[in-house]
């Protein structure tokens, strides 16, 4: 008799956040009720339309340029 190896159950993104950071993304901070996923947005055009409708920027803010170590002058 050959037993099949049982695979470990994979956690979804919410489960990983809950396990690693003790953060339950589906818990409402106001009322402690349960949130639910309404939609998974994957198309950029749809996301941009929603952001425009909400008067939010479509692009992320620019990143600051990389800097060297704070005490680099001590080593020169």
PDB file of N, CA and C in Angstrom:
ATOM      1  N   UNK A   1       0.839  -1.182   0.000  1.00  0.00           N
ATOM      2  CA  UNK A   1       0.000   0.000   0.000  1.00  0.00           C
ATOM      3  C   UNK A   1       0.883   1.244   0.000  1.00  0.00           C
ATOM      4  N   UNK A   2       0.686   2.044  -0.975  1.00  0.00           N
ATOM      5  CA  UNK A   2       1.464   3.270  -1.108  1.00  0.00           C
ATOM      6  C   UNK A   2       0.567   4.455  -0.761  1.00  0.00           C
ATOM      7  N   UNK A   3       0.951   5.181   0.246  1.00  0.00           N
ATOM      8  CA  UNK A   3       0.172   6.363   0.629  1.00  0.00           C
ATOM      9  C   UNK A   3       0.658   7.569  -0.157  1.00  0.00           C
ATOM     10  N   UNK A   4      -0.271   8.385  -0.558  1.00  0.00           N
ATOM     11  CA  UNK A   4       0.092   9.623  -1.236  1.00  0.00           C
ATOM     12  C   UNK A   4       0.527  10.644  -0.193  1.00  0.00           C
ATOM     13  N   UNK A   5       1.559  11.382  -0.542  1.00  0.00           N
ATOM     14  CA  UNK A   5       2.001  12.457   0.344  1.00  0.00           C
ATOM     15  C   UNK A   5       0.999  13.586   0.311  1.00  0.00           C
ATOM     16  N   UNK A   6       0.619  14.067   1.458  1.00  0.00           N
ATOM     17  CA  UNK A   6      -0.318  15.184   1.500  1.00  0.00           C
ATOM     18  C   UNK A   6       0.454  16.484   1.399  1.00  0.00           C
ATOM     19  N   UNK A   7      -0.020  17.350   0.530  1.00  0.00           N
ATOM     20  CA  UNK A   7       0.612  18.648   0.343  1.00  0.00           C
ATOM     21  C   UNK A   7       0.115  19.624   1.399  1.00  0.00           C
ATOM     22  N   UNK A   8       1.011  20.504   1.800  1.00  0.00           N
ATOM     23  CA  UNK A   8       0.630  21.542   2.756  1.00  0.00           C
ATOM     24  C   UNK A   8      -0.322  22.514   2.070  1.00  0.00           C
ATOM     25  N   UNK A   9      -1.326  22.940   2.785  1.00  0.00           N
ATOM     26  CA  UNK A   9      -2.290  23.888   2.232  1.00  0.00           C
ATOM     27  C   UNK A   9      -1.626  25.239   2.045  1.00  0.00           C
ATOM     28  N   UNK A  10      -1.814  25.835   0.882  1.00  0.00           N
ATOM     29  CA  UNK A  10      -1.227  27.144   0.607  1.00  0.00           C
ATOM     30  C   UNK A  10      -2.131  28.239   1.153  1.00  0.00           C
ATOM     31  N   UNK A  11      -1.510  29.257   1.727  1.00  0.00           N
ATOM     32  CA  UNK A  11      -2.264  30.387   2.258  1.00  0.00           C
ATOM     33  C   UNK A  11      -2.470  31.427   1.168  1.00  0.00           C
ATOM     34  N   UNK A  12      -3.603  32.073   1.177  1.00  0.00           N
ATOM     35  CA  UNK A  12      -3.837  33.180   0.257  1.00  0.00           C
ATOM     36  C   UNK A  12      -3.134  34.420   0.809  1.00  0.00           C
ATOM     37  N   UNK A  13      -3.198  35.518   0.072  1.00  0.00           N
ATOM     38  CA  UNK A  13      -2.482  36.739   0.483  1.00  0.00           C
ATOM     39  C   UNK A  13      -2.957  37.237   1.839  1.00  0.00           C
ATOM     40  N   UNK A  14      -4.245  37.132   2.107  1.00  0.00           N
ATOM     41  CA  UNK A  14      -4.760  37.589   3.403  1.00  0.00           C
ATOM     42  C   UNK A  14      -4.246  36.691   4.531  1.00  0.00           C
ATOM     43  N   UNK A  15      -4.183  35.397   4.273  1.00  0.00           N
ATOM     44  CA  UNK A  15      -3.662  34.467   5.271  1.00  0.00           C
ATOM     45  C   UNK A  15      -2.191  34.690   5.564  1.00  0.00           C
ATOM     46  N   UNK A  16      -1.417  35.013   4.516  1.00  0.00           N
ATOM     47  CA  UNK A  16       0.005  35.295   4.713  1.00  0.00           C
ATOM     48  C   UNK A  16       0.209  36.553   5.552  1.00  0.00           C
ATOM     49  N   UNK A  17      -0.574  37.604   5.282  1.00  0.00           N
ATOM     50  CA  UNK A  17      -0.466  38.831   6.075  1.00  0.00           C
ATOM     51  C   UNK A  17      -0.858  38.584   7.528  1.00  0.00           C
ATOM     52  N   UNK A  18      -1.909  37.786   7.721  1.00  0.00           N
ATOM     53  CA  UNK A  18      -2.365  37.493   9.082  1.00  0.00           C
ATOM     54  C   UNK A  18      -1.302  36.696   9.837  1.00  0.00           C
ATOM     55  N   UNK A  19      -0.671  35.732   9.154  1.00  0.00           N
ATOM     56  CA  UNK A  19       0.324  34.883   9.811  1.00  0.00           C
ATOM     57  C   UNK A  19       1.622  35.644  10.084  1.00  0.00           C
ATOM     58  N   UNK A  20       2.102  36.408   9.122  1.00  0.00           N
ATOM     59  CA  UNK A  20       3.409  37.065   9.248  1.00  0.00           C
ATOM     60  C   UNK A  20       3.357  38.326  10.107  1.00  0.00           C
ATOM     61  N   UNK A  21       2.339  39.153   9.898  1.00  0.00           N
ATOM     62  CA  UNK A  21       2.293  40.451  10.570  1.00  0.00           C
ATOM     63  C   UNK A  21       1.178  40.560  11.606  1.00  0.00           C
ATOM     64  N   UNK A  22       0.469  39.479  11.874  1.00  0.00           N
ATOM     65  CA  UNK A  22      -0.668  39.491  12.796  1.00  0.00           C
ATOM     66  C   UNK A  22      -1.656  40.577  12.387  1.00  0.00           C
ATOM     67  N   UNK A  23      -1.906  40.658  11.089  1.00  0.00           N
ATOM     68  CA  UNK A  23      -2.782  41.680  10.530  1.00  0.00           C
ATOM     69  C   UNK A  23      -3.928  40.995   9.796  1.00  0.00           C
ATOM     70  N   UNK A  24      -5.128  41.212  10.251  1.00  0.00           N
ATOM     71  CA  UNK A  24      -6.302  40.658   9.581  1.00  0.00           C
ATOM     72  C   UNK A  24      -6.871  41.735   8.666  1.00  0.00           C
ATOM     73  N   UNK A  25      -6.628  41.609   7.370  1.00  0.00           N
ATOM     74  CA  UNK A  25      -7.051  42.643   6.423  1.00  0.00           C
ATOM     75  C   UNK A  25      -8.561  42.661   6.230  1.00  0.00           C
ATOM     76  N   UNK A  26      -9.249  41.627   6.666  1.00  0.00           N
ATOM     77  CA  UNK A  26     -10.699  41.588   6.515  1.00  0.00           C
ATOM     78  C   UNK A  26     -11.442  42.040   7.766  1.00  0.00           C
ATOM     79  N   UNK A  27     -10.728  42.549   8.753  1.00  0.00           N
ATOM     80  CA  UNK A  27     -11.354  43.055   9.971  1.00  0.00           C
ATOM     81  C   UNK A  27     -11.455  44.572   9.880  1.00  0.00           C
ATOM     82  N   UNK A  28     -12.660  45.110  10.054  1.00  0.00           N
ATOM     83  CA  UNK A  28     -12.876  46.550   9.973  1.00  0.00           C
ATOM     84  C   UNK A  28     -12.344  47.218  11.245  1.00  0.00           C
ATOM     85  N   UNK A  29     -11.487  48.247  11.111  1.00  0.00           N
ATOM     86  CA  UNK A  29     -10.954  48.908  12.307  1.00  0.00           C
ATOM     87  C   UNK A  29     -11.997  49.728  13.059  1.00  0.00           C
ATOM     88  N   UNK A  30     -13.080  50.095  12.402  1.00  0.00           N
ATOM     89  CA  UNK A  30     -14.118  50.903  13.066  1.00  0.00           C
ATOM     90  C   UNK A  30     -15.069  50.059  13.901  1.00  0.00           C
ATOM     91  N   UNK A  31     -15.593  48.986  13.281  1.00  0.00           N
ATOM     92  CA  UNK A  31     -16.642  48.222  13.971  1.00  0.00           C
ATOM     93  C   UNK A  31     -16.238  46.781  14.284  1.00  0.00           C
ATOM     94  N   UNK A  32     -15.034  46.363  13.866  1.00  0.00           N
ATOM     95  CA  UNK A  32     -14.532  44.998  14.051  1.00  0.00           C
ATOM     96  C   UNK A  32     -15.360  43.972  13.284  1.00  0.00           C
ATOM     97  N   UNK A  33     -16.193  44.437  12.356  1.00  0.00           N
ATOM     98  CA  UNK A  33     -16.941  43.522  11.500  1.00  0.00           C
ATOM     99  C   UNK A  33     -16.046  42.930  10.429  1.00  0.00           C
ATOM    100  N   UNK A  34     -16.590  42.038   9.634  1.00  0.00           N
ATOM    101  CA  UNK A  34     -15.832  41.377   8.579  1.00  0.00           C
ATOM    102  C   UNK A  34     -16.016  42.112   7.261  1.00  0.00           C
ATOM    103  N   UNK A  35     -14.921  42.362   6.575  1.00  0.00           N
ATOM    104  CA  UNK A  35     -14.959  42.940   5.233  1.00  0.00           C
ATOM    105  C   UNK A  35     -15.036  41.802   4.227  1.00  0.00           C
ATOM    106  N   UNK A  36     -15.373  42.156   2.990  1.00  0.00           N
ATOM    107  CA  UNK A  36     -15.371  41.142   1.941  1.00  0.00           C
ATOM    108  C   UNK A  36     -14.798  41.741   0.673  1.00  0.00           C
ATOM    109  N   UNK A  37     -14.274  40.895  -0.175  1.00  0.00           N
ATOM    110  CA  UNK A  37     -13.693  41.335  -1.435  1.00  0.00           C
ATOM    111  C   UNK A  37     -14.827  41.580  -2.420  1.00  0.00           C
ATOM    112  N   UNK A  38     -14.862  42.774  -2.981  1.00  0.00           N
ATOM    113  CA  UNK A  38     -15.890  43.094  -3.973  1.00  0.00           C
ATOM    114  C   UNK A  38     -15.431  42.740  -5.374  1.00  0.00           C
ATOM    115  N   UNK A  39     -14.149  42.967  -5.672  1.00  0.00           N
ATOM    116  CA  UNK A  39     -13.635  42.683  -7.009  1.00  0.00           C
ATOM    117  C   UNK A  39     -12.115  42.646  -6.977  1.00  0.00           C
ATOM    118  N   UNK A  40     -11.551  41.898  -7.912  1.00  0.00           N
ATOM    119  CA  UNK A  40     -10.116  41.904  -8.149  1.00  0.00           C
ATOM    120  C   UNK A  40      -9.887  42.701  -9.417  1.00  0.00           C
ATOM    121  N   UNK A  41      -9.232  43.831  -9.293  1.00  0.00           N
ATOM    122  CA  UNK A  41      -8.984  44.687 -10.448  1.00  0.00           C
ATOM    123  C   UNK A  41      -7.631  44.328 -11.042  1.00  0.00           C
ATOM    124  N   UNK A  42      -7.643  43.944 -12.321  1.00  0.00           N
ATOM    125  CA  UNK A  42      -6.398  43.543 -12.969  1.00  0.00           C
ATOM    126  C   UNK A  42      -6.109  44.341 -14.232  1.00  0.00           C
ATOM    127  N   UNK A  43      -7.105  45.005 -14.789  1.00  0.00           N
ATOM    128  CA  UNK A  43      -6.901  45.767 -16.020  1.00  0.00           C
ATOM    129  C   UNK A  43      -6.545  47.207 -15.676  1.00  0.00           C
ATOM    130  N   UNK A  44      -5.425  47.662 -16.223  1.00  0.00           N
ATOM    131  CA  UNK A  44      -4.957  49.010 -15.941  1.00  0.00           C
ATOM    132  C   UNK A  44      -5.943  50.087 -16.341  1.00  0.00           C
ATOM    133  N   UNK A  45      -6.633  49.890 -17.467  1.00  0.00           N
ATOM    134  CA  UNK A  45      -7.578  50.914 -17.927  1.00  0.00           C
ATOM    135  C   UNK A  45      -8.736  51.080 -16.945  1.00  0.00           C
ATOM    136  N   UNK A  46      -9.204  50.001 -16.375  1.00  0.00           N
ATOM    137  CA  UNK A  46     -10.302  50.060 -15.401  1.00  0.00           C
ATOM    138  C   UNK A  46      -9.829  50.748 -14.121  1.00  0.00           C
ATOM    139  N   UNK A  47      -8.637  50.413 -13.686  1.00  0.00           N
ATOM    140  CA  UNK A  47      -8.089  51.021 -12.472  1.00  0.00           C
ATOM    141  C   UNK A  47      -7.924  52.525 -12.660  1.00  0.00           C
ATOM    142  N   UNK A  48      -7.405  52.940 -13.833  1.00  0.00           N
ATOM    143  CA  UNK A  48      -7.235  54.376 -14.097  1.00  0.00           C
ATOM    144  C   UNK A  48      -8.576  55.105 -14.107  1.00  0.00           C
ATOM    145  N   UNK A  49      -9.611  54.492 -14.685  1.00  0.00           N
ATOM    146  CA  UNK A  49     -10.941  55.119 -14.703  1.00  0.00           C
ATOM    147  C   UNK A  49     -11.475  55.313 -13.292  1.00  0.00           C
ATOM    148  N   UNK A  50     -11.289  54.331 -12.441  1.00  0.00           N
ATOM    149  CA  UNK A  50     -11.759  54.439 -11.055  1.00  0.00           C
ATOM    150  C   UNK A  50     -10.993  55.537 -10.322  1.00  0.00           C
ATOM    151  N   UNK A  51      -9.681  55.581 -10.505  1.00  0.00           N
ATOM    152  CA  UNK A  51      -8.878  56.614  -9.845  1.00  0.00           C
ATOM    153  C   UNK A  51      -9.272  58.004 -10.329  1.00  0.00           C
ATOM    154  N   UNK A  52      -9.512  58.149 -11.641  1.00  0.00           N
ATOM    155  CA  UNK A  52      -9.953  59.447 -12.169  1.00  0.00           C
ATOM    156  C   UNK A  52     -11.293  59.848 -11.565  1.00  0.00           C
ATOM    157  N   UNK A  53     -12.211  58.899 -11.466  1.00  0.00           N
ATOM    158  CA  UNK A  53     -13.535  59.175 -10.900  1.00  0.00           C
ATOM    159  C   UNK A  53     -13.430  59.633  -9.444  1.00  0.00           C
ATOM    160  N   UNK A  54     -12.481  59.065  -8.707  1.00  0.00           N
ATOM    161  CA  UNK A  54     -12.287  59.425  -7.299  1.00  0.00           C
ATOM    162  C   UNK A  54     -11.373  60.634  -7.127  1.00  0.00           C
ATOM    163  N   UNK A  55     -10.943  61.225  -8.243  1.00  0.00           N
ATOM    164  CA  UNK A  55     -10.032  62.381  -8.233  1.00  0.00           C
ATOM    165  C   UNK A  55      -8.734  62.061  -7.495  1.00  0.00           C
ATOM    166  N   UNK A  56      -8.207  60.865  -7.747  1.00  0.00           N
ATOM    167  CA  UNK A  56      -6.941  60.435  -7.171  1.00  0.00           C
ATOM    168  C   UNK A  56      -5.894  60.358  -8.277  1.00  0.00           C
ATOM    169  N   UNK A  57      -4.615  60.537  -7.953  1.00  0.00           N
ATOM    170  CA  UNK A  57      -3.579  60.473  -8.991  1.00  0.00           C
ATOM    171  C   UNK A  57      -3.478  59.070  -9.586  1.00  0.00           C
ATOM    172  N   UNK A  58      -3.265  59.022 -10.896  1.00  0.00           N
ATOM    173  CA  UNK A  58      -3.143  57.732 -11.580  1.00  0.00           C
ATOM    174  C   UNK A  58      -1.740  57.153 -11.458  1.00  0.00           C
ATOM    175  N   UNK A  59      -0.758  58.016 -11.251  1.00  0.00           N
ATOM    176  CA  UNK A  59       0.628  57.569 -11.147  1.00  0.00           C
ATOM    177  C   UNK A  59       1.118  57.719  -9.715  1.00  0.00           C
ATOM    178  N   UNK A  60       2.023  56.846  -9.278  1.00  0.00           N
ATOM    179  CA  UNK A  60       2.578  56.997  -7.931  1.00  0.00           C
ATOM    180  C   UNK A  60       3.472  58.228  -7.871  1.00  0.00           C
ATOM    181  N   UNK A  61       3.712  58.766  -6.684  1.00  0.00           N
ATOM    182  CA  UNK A  61       4.611  59.924  -6.573  1.00  0.00           C
ATOM    183  C   UNK A  61       6.025  59.515  -6.969  1.00  0.00           C
ATOM    184  N   UNK A  62       6.821  60.463  -7.461  1.00  0.00           N
ATOM    185  CA  UNK A  62       8.192  60.114  -7.860  1.00  0.00           C
ATOM    186  C   UNK A  62       9.030  59.706  -6.650  1.00  0.00           C
ATOM    187  N   UNK A  63       9.944  58.783  -6.886  1.00  0.00           N
ATOM    188  CA  UNK A  63      10.821  58.328  -5.809  1.00  0.00           C
ATOM    189  C   UNK A  63      11.982  59.297  -5.654  1.00  0.00           C
ATOM    190  N   UNK A  64      12.411  59.462  -4.432  1.00  0.00           N
ATOM    191  CA  UNK A  64      13.589  60.292  -4.173  1.00  0.00           C
ATOM    192  C   UNK A  64      14.819  59.558  -4.700  1.00  0.00           C
ATOM    193  N   UNK A  65      15.825  60.289  -5.173  1.00  0.00           N
ATOM    194  CA  UNK A  65      17.031  59.610  -5.664  1.00  0.00           C
ATOM    195  C   UNK A  65      17.752  58.884  -4.532  1.00  0.00           C
ATOM    196  N   UNK A  66      18.443  57.824  -4.903  1.00  0.00           N
ATOM    197  CA  UNK A  66      19.190  57.046  -3.915  1.00  0.00           C
ATOM    198  C   UNK A  66      20.319  57.886  -3.340  1.00  0.00           C
ATOM    199  N   UNK A  67      20.596  57.678  -2.060  1.00  0.00           N
ATOM    200  CA  UNK A  67      21.676  58.413  -1.397  1.00  0.00           C
ATOM    201  C   UNK A  67      22.718  57.422  -0.901  1.00  0.00           C
ATOM    202  N   UNK A  68      23.912  57.917  -0.714  1.00  0.00           N
ATOM    203  CA  UNK A  68      24.972  57.100  -0.145  1.00  0.00           C
ATOM    204  C   UNK A  68      24.808  56.992   1.358  1.00  0.00           C
ATOM    205  N   UNK A  69      25.675  56.232   1.997  1.00  0.00           N
ATOM    206  CA  UNK A  69      25.608  56.125   3.458  1.00  0.00           C
ATOM    207  C   UNK A  69      25.761  57.493   4.117  1.00  0.00           C
ATOM    208  N   UNK A  70      25.128  57.687   5.232  1.00  0.00           N
ATOM    209  CA  UNK A  70      25.114  58.984   5.910  1.00  0.00           C
ATOM    210  C   UNK A  70      26.506  59.416   6.365  1.00  0.00           C
ATOM    211  N   UNK A  71      27.364  58.479   6.728  1.00  0.00           N
ATOM    212  CA  UNK A  71      28.685  58.826   7.254  1.00  0.00           C
ATOM    213  C   UNK A  71      29.796  58.505   6.260  1.00  0.00           C
ATOM    214  N   UNK A  72      29.504  58.531   4.978  1.00  0.00           N
ATOM    215  CA  UNK A  72      30.498  58.182   3.971  1.00  0.00           C
ATOM    216  C   UNK A  72      31.689  59.142   4.004  1.00  0.00           C
ATOM    217  N   UNK A  73      31.476  60.405   4.351  1.00  0.00           N
ATOM    218  CA  UNK A  73      32.562  61.390   4.395  1.00  0.00           C
ATOM    219  C   UNK A  73      33.639  60.990   5.404  1.00  0.00           C
ATOM    220  N   UNK A  74      33.294  60.247   6.435  1.00  0.00           N
ATOM    221  CA  UNK A  74      34.279  59.817   7.429  1.00  0.00           C
ATOM    222  C   UNK A  74      35.287  58.833   6.845  1.00  0.00           C
ATOM    223  N   UNK A  75      34.901  58.111   5.814  1.00  0.00           N
ATOM    224  CA  UNK A  75      35.757  57.071   5.242  1.00  0.00           C
ATOM    225  C   UNK A  75      36.593  57.576   4.071  1.00  0.00           C
ATOM    226  N   UNK A  76      36.382  58.802   3.658  1.00  0.00           N
ATOM    227  CA  UNK A  76      37.125  59.321   2.503  1.00  0.00           C
ATOM    228  C   UNK A  76      38.328  60.109   2.930  1.00  0.00           C
TER     229      UNK A  76
END
